[in-house]
Amino acid sequence: MDLRRRNNSHLVIACTLALGILICMPVTVRSFTRGRCFLPPDEGSCGNRLTLRVKYYFDSTNDDCSEFIYFGCGGNDNRFDTFEECENVCIFYGF
């Protein structure tokens, strides 16, 4: 059975043992994009006042999304337009 979804996420079964009871449930994982979450923040280059933008990156040390100033070009894929987008791609809440 193909568990790949249209948005390139994957459905996996996650299980945990709580109070001696095994609980399993389907969880959507965006594993194809999570690799970008572990890249270091890169503010890019070619900055001037007209191209500076507030963006968000995933801080894998603190397991949270943080704000940074992006210079408008270059950089890497650990860059998101909103805090919510960063959370949706990089933070796995589990249960």
PDB file of N, CA and C in Angstrom:
ATOM      1  N   MET A   1       0.841  -1.179   0.000  1.00  0.00           N
ATOM      2  CA  MET A   1       0.000   0.000   0.000  1.00  0.00           C
ATOM      3  C   MET A   1       0.888   1.245   0.000  1.00  0.00           C
ATOM      4  N   ASP A   2       0.612   2.170  -0.893  1.00  0.00           N
ATOM      5  CA  ASP A   2       1.386   3.407  -0.970  1.00  0.00           C
ATOM      6  C   ASP A   2       0.820   4.412   0.021  1.00  0.00           C
ATOM      7  N   LEU A   3       1.641   4.801   0.989  1.00  0.00           N
ATOM      8  CA  LEU A   3       1.187   5.728   2.014  1.00  0.00           C
ATOM      9  C   LEU A   3       1.606   7.162   1.725  1.00  0.00           C
ATOM     10  N   ARG A   4       2.178   7.395   0.546  1.00  0.00           N
ATOM     11  CA  ARG A   4       2.598   8.748   0.200  1.00  0.00           C
ATOM     12  C   ARG A   4       1.365   9.591  -0.109  1.00  0.00           C
ATOM     13  N   ARG A   5       1.339  10.771   0.421  1.00  0.00           N
ATOM     14  CA  ARG A   5       0.205  11.666   0.205  1.00  0.00           C
ATOM     15  C   ARG A   5       0.550  12.685  -0.861  1.00  0.00           C
ATOM     16  N   ARG A   6      -0.448  13.395  -1.314  1.00  0.00           N
ATOM     17  CA  ARG A   6      -0.245  14.362  -2.386  1.00  0.00           C
ATOM     18  C   ARG A   6       0.735  15.466  -2.026  1.00  0.00           C
ATOM     19  N   ASN A   7       0.825  15.834  -0.772  1.00  0.00           N
ATOM     20  CA  ASN A   7       1.734  16.906  -0.374  1.00  0.00           C
ATOM     21  C   ASN A   7       3.125  16.382  -0.035  1.00  0.00           C
ATOM     22  N   ASN A   8       3.443  15.182  -0.505  1.00  0.00           N
ATOM     23  CA  ASN A   8       4.743  14.542  -0.299  1.00  0.00           C
ATOM     24  C   ASN A   8       5.027  14.207   1.158  1.00  0.00           C
ATOM     25  N   SER A   9       3.999  14.179   1.980  1.00  0.00           N
ATOM     26  CA  SER A   9       4.190  13.708   3.341  1.00  0.00           C
ATOM     27  C   SER A   9       3.953  12.201   3.342  1.00  0.00           C
ATOM     28  N   HIS A  10       4.338  11.553   4.391  1.00  0.00           N
ATOM     29  CA  HIS A  10       4.171  10.111   4.503  1.00  0.00           C
ATOM     30  C   HIS A  10       3.396   9.797   5.763  1.00  0.00           C
ATOM     31  N   LEU A  11       2.583   8.762   5.683  1.00  0.00           N
ATOM     32  CA  LEU A  11       1.825   8.320   6.837  1.00  0.00           C
ATOM     33  C   LEU A  11       2.572   7.157   7.463  1.00  0.00           C
ATOM     34  N   VAL A  12       2.902   7.277   8.733  1.00  0.00           N
ATOM     35  CA  VAL A  12       3.578   6.199   9.455  1.00  0.00           C
ATOM     36  C   VAL A  12       2.755   5.883  10.694  1.00  0.00           C
ATOM     37  N   ILE A  13       3.005   4.737  11.260  1.00  0.00           N
ATOM     38  CA  ILE A  13       2.347   4.351  12.496  1.00  0.00           C
ATOM     39  C   ILE A  13       3.334   4.584  13.633  1.00  0.00           C
ATOM     40  N   ALA A  14       2.973   5.445  14.557  1.00  0.00           N
ATOM     41  CA  ALA A  14       3.816   5.741  15.715  1.00  0.00           C
ATOM     42  C   ALA A  14       3.180   5.092  16.938  1.00  0.00           C
ATOM     43  N   CYS A  15       4.004   4.455  17.754  1.00  0.00           N
ATOM     44  CA  CYS A  15       3.503   3.762  18.937  1.00  0.00           C
ATOM     45  C   CYS A  15       4.249   4.225  20.180  1.00  0.00           C
ATOM     46  N   THR A  16       3.557   4.195  21.286  1.00  0.00           N
ATOM     47  CA  THR A  16       4.164   4.504  22.571  1.00  0.00           C
ATOM     48  C   THR A  16       3.567   3.583  23.624  1.00  0.00           C
ATOM     49  N   LEU A  17       4.328   3.313  24.650  1.00  0.00           N
ATOM     50  CA  LEU A  17       3.865   2.472  25.745  1.00  0.00           C
ATOM     51  C   LEU A  17       3.566   3.384  26.925  1.00  0.00           C
ATOM     52  N   ALA A  18       2.303   3.447  27.314  1.00  0.00           N
ATOM     53  CA  ALA A  18       1.891   4.304  28.424  1.00  0.00           C
ATOM     54  C   ALA A  18       1.105   3.477  29.431  1.00  0.00           C
ATOM     55  N   LEU A  19       1.587   3.445  30.650  1.00  0.00           N
ATOM     56  CA  LEU A  19       0.931   2.699  31.730  1.00  0.00           C
ATOM     57  C   LEU A  19       0.678   1.245  31.348  1.00  0.00           C
ATOM     58  N   GLY A  20       1.630   0.668  30.644  1.00  0.00           N
ATOM     59  CA  GLY A  20       1.522  -0.733  30.253  1.00  0.00           C
ATOM     60  C   GLY A  20       0.604  -0.988  29.081  1.00  0.00           C
ATOM     61  N   ILE A  21       0.117   0.057  28.446  1.00  0.00           N
ATOM     62  CA  ILE A  21      -0.778  -0.085  27.297  1.00  0.00           C
ATOM     63  C   ILE A  21      -0.059   0.445  26.065  1.00  0.00           C
ATOM     64  N   LEU A  22      -0.031  -0.367  25.023  1.00  0.00           N
ATOM     65  CA  LEU A  22       0.580   0.055  23.764  1.00  0.00           C
ATOM     66  C   LEU A  22      -0.447   0.844  22.967  1.00  0.00           C
ATOM     67  N   ILE A  23      -0.121   2.093  22.663  1.00  0.00           N
ATOM     68  CA  ILE A  23      -1.019   2.963  21.911  1.00  0.00           C
ATOM     69  C   ILE A  23      -0.348   3.288  20.586  1.00  0.00           C
ATOM     70  N   CYS A  24      -1.043   3.008  19.491  1.00  0.00           N
ATOM     71  CA  CYS A  24      -0.516   3.290  18.152  1.00  0.00           C
ATOM     72  C   CYS A  24      -1.507   4.169  17.401  1.00  0.00           C
ATOM     73  N   MET A  25      -0.963   5.060  16.595  1.00  0.00           N
ATOM     74  CA  MET A  25      -1.825   5.917  15.785  1.00  0.00           C
ATOM     75  C   MET A  25      -1.071   6.362  14.538  1.00  0.00           C
ATOM     76  N   PRO A  26      -1.823   6.652  13.463  1.00  0.00           N
ATOM     77  CA  PRO A  26      -1.163   7.152  12.253  1.00  0.00           C
ATOM     78  C   PRO A  26      -0.690   8.586  12.456  1.00  0.00           C
ATOM     79  N   VAL A  27       0.479   8.876  11.943  1.00  0.00           N
ATOM     80  CA  VAL A  27       1.062  10.210  12.059  1.00  0.00           C
ATOM     81  C   VAL A  27       1.608  10.600  10.695  1.00  0.00           C
ATOM     82  N   THR A  28       1.335  11.822  10.272  1.00  0.00           N
ATOM     83  CA  THR A  28       1.879  12.327   9.015  1.00  0.00           C
ATOM     84  C   THR A  28       3.267  12.892   9.271  1.00  0.00           C
ATOM     85  N   VAL A  29       4.230  12.446   8.482  1.00  0.00           N
ATOM     86  CA  VAL A  29       5.610  12.894   8.637  1.00  0.00           C
ATOM     87  C   VAL A  29       6.077  13.498   7.323  1.00  0.00           C
ATOM     88  N   ARG A  30       6.666  14.648   7.398  1.00  0.00           N
ATOM     89  CA  ARG A  30       7.211  15.300   6.206  1.00  0.00           C
ATOM     90  C   ARG A  30       8.714  15.056   6.144  1.00  0.00           C
ATOM     91  N   SER A  31       9.094  13.806   6.114  1.00  0.00           N
ATOM     92  CA  SER A  31      10.510  13.452   6.199  1.00  0.00           C
ATOM     93  C   SER A  31      11.324  13.990   5.034  1.00  0.00           C
ATOM     94  N   PHE A  32      10.686  14.174   3.890  1.00  0.00           N
ATOM     95  CA  PHE A  32      11.430  14.650   2.732  1.00  0.00           C
ATOM     96  C   PHE A  32      11.927  16.073   2.929  1.00  0.00           C
ATOM     97  N   THR A  33      11.323  16.833   3.824  1.00  0.00           N
ATOM     98  CA  THR A  33      11.745  18.213   4.030  1.00  0.00           C
ATOM     99  C   THR A  33      12.508  18.413   5.326  1.00  0.00           C
ATOM    100  N   ARG A  34      12.453  17.469   6.240  1.00  0.00           N
ATOM    101  CA  ARG A  34      13.056  17.674   7.552  1.00  0.00           C
ATOM    102  C   ARG A  34      14.572  17.828   7.492  1.00  0.00           C
ATOM    103  N   GLY A  35      15.222  17.306   6.471  1.00  0.00           N
ATOM    104  CA  GLY A  35      16.666  17.465   6.368  1.00  0.00           C
ATOM    105  C   GLY A  35      17.078  18.924   6.354  1.00  0.00           C
ATOM    106  N   ARG A  36      16.264  19.758   5.754  1.00  0.00           N
ATOM    107  CA  ARG A  36      16.566  21.189   5.691  1.00  0.00           C
ATOM    108  C   ARG A  36      16.549  21.828   7.068  1.00  0.00           C
ATOM    109  N   CYS A  37      15.834  21.212   8.008  1.00  0.00           N
ATOM    110  CA  CYS A  37      15.692  21.774   9.353  1.00  0.00           C
ATOM    111  C   CYS A  37      16.983  21.689  10.157  1.00  0.00           C
ATOM    112  N   PHE A  38      17.918  20.868   9.727  1.00  0.00           N
ATOM    113  CA  PHE A  38      19.154  20.683  10.475  1.00  0.00           C
ATOM    114  C   PHE A  38      20.328  21.433   9.863  1.00  0.00           C
ATOM    115  N   LEU A  39      20.054  22.211   8.819  1.00  0.00           N
ATOM    116  CA  LEU A  39      21.080  23.081   8.253  1.00  0.00           C
ATOM    117  C   LEU A  39      21.291  24.265   9.190  1.00  0.00           C
ATOM    118  N   PRO A  40      22.497  24.808   9.234  1.00  0.00           N
ATOM    119  CA  PRO A  40      22.719  25.995  10.073  1.00  0.00           C
ATOM    120  C   PRO A  40      21.993  27.197   9.457  1.00  0.00           C
ATOM    121  N   PRO A  41      21.606  28.169  10.268  1.00  0.00           N
ATOM    122  CA  PRO A  41      20.976  29.355   9.684  1.00  0.00           C
ATOM    123  C   PRO A  41      21.973  30.068   8.772  1.00  0.00           C
ATOM    124  N   ASP A  42      21.492  30.547   7.648  1.00  0.00           N
ATOM    125  CA  ASP A  42      22.351  31.234   6.685  1.00  0.00           C
ATOM    126  C   ASP A  42      21.614  32.481   6.216  1.00  0.00           C
ATOM    127  N   GLU A  43      22.121  33.627   6.616  1.00  0.00           N
ATOM    128  CA  GLU A  43      21.434  34.881   6.300  1.00  0.00           C
ATOM    129  C   GLU A  43      21.564  35.299   4.846  1.00  0.00           C
ATOM    130  N   GLY A  44      22.346  34.582   4.051  1.00  0.00           N
ATOM    131  CA  GLY A  44      22.492  34.918   2.648  1.00  0.00           C
ATOM    132  C   GLY A  44      23.461  36.066   2.441  1.00  0.00           C
ATOM    133  N   SER A  45      23.358  36.694   1.281  1.00  0.00           N
ATOM    134  CA  SER A  45      24.285  37.771   0.931  1.00  0.00           C
ATOM    135  C   SER A  45      23.538  38.837   0.140  1.00  0.00           C
ATOM    136  N   CYS A  46      24.269  39.742  -0.423  1.00  0.00           N
ATOM    137  CA  CYS A  46      23.781  40.840  -1.280  1.00  0.00           C
ATOM    138  C   CYS A  46      22.766  41.722  -0.574  1.00  0.00           C
ATOM    139  N   GLY A  47      22.956  41.914   0.705  1.00  0.00           N
ATOM    140  CA  GLY A  47      21.984  42.687   1.464  1.00  0.00           C
ATOM    141  C   GLY A  47      22.143  44.186   1.349  1.00  0.00           C
ATOM    142  N   ASN A  48      21.036  44.832   1.278  1.00  0.00           N
ATOM    143  CA  ASN A  48      20.946  46.267   1.479  1.00  0.00           C
ATOM    144  C   ASN A  48      19.615  46.508   2.190  1.00  0.00           C
ATOM    145  N   ARG A  49      19.345  47.712   2.567  1.00  0.00           N
ATOM    146  CA  ARG A  49      18.128  47.969   3.347  1.00  0.00           C
ATOM    147  C   ARG A  49      16.850  47.563   2.629  1.00  0.00           C
ATOM    148  N   LEU A  50      16.871  47.555   1.309  1.00  0.00           N
ATOM    149  CA  LEU A  50      15.672  47.210   0.552  1.00  0.00           C
ATOM    150  C   LEU A  50      15.410  45.710   0.512  1.00  0.00           C
ATOM    151  N   THR A  51      16.452  44.902   0.690  1.00  0.00           N
ATOM    152  CA  THR A  51      16.266  43.452   0.581  1.00  0.00           C
ATOM    153  C   THR A  51      16.227  42.740   1.926  1.00  0.00           C
ATOM    154  N   LEU A  52      16.502  43.428   3.022  1.00  0.00           N
ATOM    155  CA  LEU A  52      16.488  42.785   4.338  1.00  0.00           C
ATOM    156  C   LEU A  52      15.072  42.350   4.699  1.00  0.00           C
ATOM    157  N   ARG A  53      14.949  41.103   5.168  1.00  0.00           N
ATOM    158  CA  ARG A  53      13.649  40.551   5.542  1.00  0.00           C
ATOM    159  C   ARG A  53      13.790  39.736   6.815  1.00  0.00           C
ATOM    160  N   VAL A  54      12.778  39.788   7.660  1.00  0.00           N
ATOM    161  CA  VAL A  54      12.733  38.907   8.823  1.00  0.00           C
ATOM    162  C   VAL A  54      12.227  37.552   8.341  1.00  0.00           C
ATOM    163  N   LYS A  55      12.986  36.514   8.634  1.00  0.00           N
ATOM    164  CA  LYS A  55      12.623  35.136   8.294  1.00  0.00           C
ATOM    165  C   LYS A  55      12.784  34.285   9.545  1.00  0.00           C
ATOM    166  N   TYR A  56      12.486  33.010   9.415  1.00  0.00           N
ATOM    167  CA  TYR A  56      12.578  32.081  10.540  1.00  0.00           C
ATOM    168  C   TYR A  56      13.378  30.862  10.122  1.00  0.00           C
ATOM    169  N   TYR A  57      14.125  30.309  11.063  1.00  0.00           N
ATOM    170  CA  TYR A  57      14.877  29.081  10.825  1.00  0.00           C
ATOM    171  C   TYR A  57      14.638  28.143  11.995  1.00  0.00           C
ATOM    172  N   PHE A  58      14.863  26.856  11.748  1.00  0.00           N
ATOM    173  CA  PHE A  58      14.723  25.881  12.818  1.00  0.00           C
ATOM    174  C   PHE A  58      16.063  25.727  13.516  1.00  0.00           C
ATOM    175  N   ASP A  59      16.065  25.946  14.822  1.00  0.00           N
ATOM    176  CA  ASP A  59      17.254  25.793  15.657  1.00  0.00           C
ATOM    177  C   ASP A  59      17.219  24.384  16.239  1.00  0.00           C
ATOM    178  N   SER A  60      17.975  23.473  15.638  1.00  0.00           N
ATOM    179  CA  SER A  60      17.919  22.065  16.057  1.00  0.00           C
ATOM    180  C   SER A  60      18.504  21.847  17.448  1.00  0.00           C
ATOM    181  N   THR A  61      19.326  22.768  17.936  1.00  0.00           N
ATOM    182  CA  THR A  61      19.866  22.652  19.294  1.00  0.00           C
ATOM    183  C   THR A  61      18.773  22.867  20.332  1.00  0.00           C
ATOM    184  N   ASN A  62      17.923  23.856  20.095  1.00  0.00           N
ATOM    185  CA  ASN A  62      16.835  24.175  21.024  1.00  0.00           C
ATOM    186  C   ASN A  62      15.501  23.560  20.626  1.00  0.00           C
ATOM    187  N   ASP A  63      15.465  22.878  19.470  1.00  0.00           N
ATOM    188  CA  ASP A  63      14.243  22.254  18.956  1.00  0.00           C
ATOM    189  C   ASP A  63      13.104  23.271  18.873  1.00  0.00           C
ATOM    190  N   ASP A  64      13.421  24.433  18.285  1.00  0.00           N
ATOM    191  CA  ASP A  64      12.434  25.498  18.181  1.00  0.00           C
ATOM    192  C   ASP A  64      12.764  26.368  16.967  1.00  0.00           C
ATOM    193  N   CYS A  65      11.803  27.144  16.542  1.00  0.00           N
ATOM    194  CA  CYS A  65      12.005  28.067  15.433  1.00  0.00           C
ATOM    195  C   CYS A  65      12.398  29.436  15.980  1.00  0.00           C
ATOM    196  N   SER A  66      13.334  30.087  15.305  1.00  0.00           N
ATOM    197  CA  SER A  66      13.829  31.391  15.743  1.00  0.00           C
ATOM    198  C   SER A  66      13.851  32.358  14.569  1.00  0.00           C
ATOM    199  N   GLU A  67      13.840  33.627  14.895  1.00  0.00           N
ATOM    200  CA  GLU A  67      13.842  34.703  13.919  1.00  0.00           C
ATOM    201  C   GLU A  67      15.275  35.058  13.525  1.00  0.00           C
ATOM    202  N   PHE A  68      15.465  35.453  12.270  1.00  0.00           N
ATOM    203  CA  PHE A  68      16.749  36.002  11.844  1.00  0.00           C
ATOM    204  C   PHE A  68      16.523  36.952  10.681  1.00  0.00           C
ATOM    205  N   ILE A  69      17.536  37.749  10.379  1.00  0.00           N
ATOM    206  CA  ILE A  69      17.457  38.690   9.260  1.00  0.00           C
ATOM    207  C   ILE A  69      18.072  38.030   8.034  1.00  0.00           C
ATOM    208  N   TYR A  70      17.283  37.959   6.961  1.00  0.00           N
ATOM    209  CA  TYR A  70      17.730  37.389   5.694  1.00  0.00           C
ATOM    210  C   TYR A  70      18.072  38.542   4.752  1.00  0.00           C
ATOM    211  N   PHE A  71      19.224  38.437   4.087  1.00  0.00           N
ATOM    212  CA  PHE A  71      19.720  39.520   3.239  1.00  0.00           C
ATOM    213  C   PHE A  71      19.151  39.545   1.829  1.00  0.00           C
ATOM    214  N   GLY A  72      18.296  38.597   1.484  1.00  0.00           N
ATOM    215  CA  GLY A  72      17.581  38.708   0.221  1.00  0.00           C
ATOM    216  C   GLY A  72      17.987  37.771  -0.888  1.00  0.00           C
ATOM    217  N   CYS A  73      19.158  37.148  -0.819  1.00  0.00           N
ATOM    218  CA  CYS A  73      19.518  36.156  -1.831  1.00  0.00           C
ATOM    219  C   CYS A  73      20.551  35.203  -1.241  1.00  0.00           C
ATOM    220  N   GLY A  74      20.669  34.039  -1.871  1.00  0.00           N
ATOM    221  CA  GLY A  74      21.573  33.023  -1.338  1.00  0.00           C
ATOM    222  C   GLY A  74      20.973  32.368  -0.113  1.00  0.00           C
ATOM    223  N   GLY A  75      21.823  31.914   0.767  1.00  0.00           N
ATOM    224  CA  GLY A  75      21.341  31.228   1.960  1.00  0.00           C
ATOM    225  C   GLY A  75      21.097  29.753   1.683  1.00  0.00           C
ATOM    226  N   ASN A  76      20.332  29.112   2.559  1.00  0.00           N
ATOM    227  CA  ASN A  76      20.001  27.704   2.357  1.00  0.00           C
ATOM    228  C   ASN A  76      18.507  27.488   2.598  1.00  0.00           C
ATOM    229  N   ASP A  77      18.083  26.242   2.597  1.00  0.00           N
ATOM    230  CA  ASP A  77      16.655  25.935   2.696  1.00  0.00           C
ATOM    231  C   ASP A  77      16.095  25.988   4.108  1.00  0.00           C
ATOM    232  N   ASN A  78      16.935  26.205   5.114  1.00  0.00           N
ATOM    233  CA  ASN A  78      16.422  26.353   6.478  1.00  0.00           C
ATOM    234  C   ASN A  78      16.015  27.815   6.675  1.00  0.00           C
ATOM    235  N   ARG A  79      15.009  28.205   5.912  1.00  0.00           N
ATOM    236  CA  ARG A  79      14.519  29.588   5.916  1.00  0.00           C
ATOM    237  C   ARG A  79      13.024  29.534   5.610  1.00  0.00           C
ATOM    238  N   PHE A  80      12.248  30.150   6.473  1.00  0.00           N
ATOM    239  CA  PHE A  80      10.797  30.108   6.338  1.00  0.00           C
ATOM    240  C   PHE A  80      10.232  31.514   6.455  1.00  0.00           C
ATOM    241  N   ASP A  81       9.137  31.761   5.759  1.00  0.00           N
ATOM    242  CA  ASP A  81       8.506  33.078   5.784  1.00  0.00           C
ATOM    243  C   ASP A  81       7.795  33.363   7.098  1.00  0.00           C
ATOM    244  N   THR A  82       7.256  32.326   7.740  1.00  0.00           N
ATOM    245  CA  THR A  82       6.523  32.520   8.993  1.00  0.00           C
ATOM    246  C   THR A  82       6.989  31.522  10.045  1.00  0.00           C
ATOM    247  N   PHE A  83       6.765  31.871  11.290  1.00  0.00           N
ATOM    248  CA  PHE A  83       7.052  30.977  12.409  1.00  0.00           C
ATOM    249  C   PHE A  83       6.231  29.697  12.267  1.00  0.00           C
ATOM    250  N   GLU A  84       4.972  29.845  11.868  1.00  0.00           N
ATOM    251  CA  GLU A  84       4.077  28.700  11.721  1.00  0.00           C
ATOM    252  C   GLU A  84       4.566  27.737  10.647  1.00  0.00           C
ATOM    253  N   GLU A  85       5.058  28.265   9.532  1.00  0.00           N
ATOM    254  CA  GLU A  85       5.586  27.402   8.468  1.00  0.00           C
ATOM    255  C   GLU A  85       6.781  26.605   8.984  1.00  0.00           C
ATOM    256  N   CYS A  86       7.663  27.259   9.720  1.00  0.00           N
ATOM    257  CA  CYS A  86       8.821  26.589  10.309  1.00  0.00           C
ATOM    258  C   CYS A  86       8.372  25.459  11.234  1.00  0.00           C
ATOM    259  N   GLU A  87       7.415  25.752  12.101  1.00  0.00           N
ATOM    260  CA  GLU A  87       6.896  24.723  13.015  1.00  0.00           C
ATOM    261  C   GLU A  87       6.275  23.561  12.259  1.00  0.00           C
ATOM    262  N   ASN A  88       5.473  23.862  11.252  1.00  0.00           N
ATOM    263  CA  ASN A  88       4.783  22.811  10.506  1.00  0.00           C
ATOM    264  C   ASN A  88       5.742  21.867   9.804  1.00  0.00           C
ATOM    265  N   VAL A  89       6.852  22.389   9.327  1.00  0.00           N
ATOM    266  CA  VAL A  89       7.813  21.558   8.602  1.00  0.00           C
ATOM    267  C   VAL A  89       8.775  20.846   9.545  1.00  0.00           C
ATOM    268  N   CYS A  90       9.229  21.524  10.590  1.00  0.00           N
ATOM    269  CA  CYS A  90      10.367  21.019  11.357  1.00  0.00           C
ATOM    270  C   CYS A  90      10.059  20.440  12.731  1.00  0.00           C
ATOM    271  N   ILE A  91       8.954  20.790  13.335  1.00  0.00           N
ATOM    272  CA  ILE A  91       8.702  20.311  14.694  1.00  0.00           C
ATOM    273  C   ILE A  91       7.729  19.157  14.650  1.00  0.00           C
ATOM    274  N   PHE A  92       8.156  18.046  15.212  1.00  0.00           N
ATOM    275  CA  PHE A  92       7.334  16.839  15.268  1.00  0.00           C
ATOM    276  C   PHE A  92       6.789  16.718  16.679  1.00  0.00           C
ATOM    277  N   TYR A  93       5.494  16.873  16.824  1.00  0.00           N
ATOM    278  CA  TYR A  93       4.891  16.855  18.150  1.00  0.00           C
ATOM    279  C   TYR A  93       4.582  15.449  18.650  1.00  0.00           C
ATOM    280  N   GLY A  94       4.458  14.492  17.748  1.00  0.00           N
ATOM    281  CA  GLY A  94       4.129  13.130  18.188  1.00  0.00           C
ATOM    282  C   GLY A  94       2.746  13.074  18.778  1.00  0.00           C
ATOM    283  N   PHE A  95       2.655  12.588  19.995  1.00  0.00           N
ATOM    284  CA  PHE A  95       1.352  12.440  20.637  1.00  0.00           C
ATOM    285  C   PHE A  95       1.033  13.690  21.385  1.00  0.00           C
TER     286      PHE A  95
END
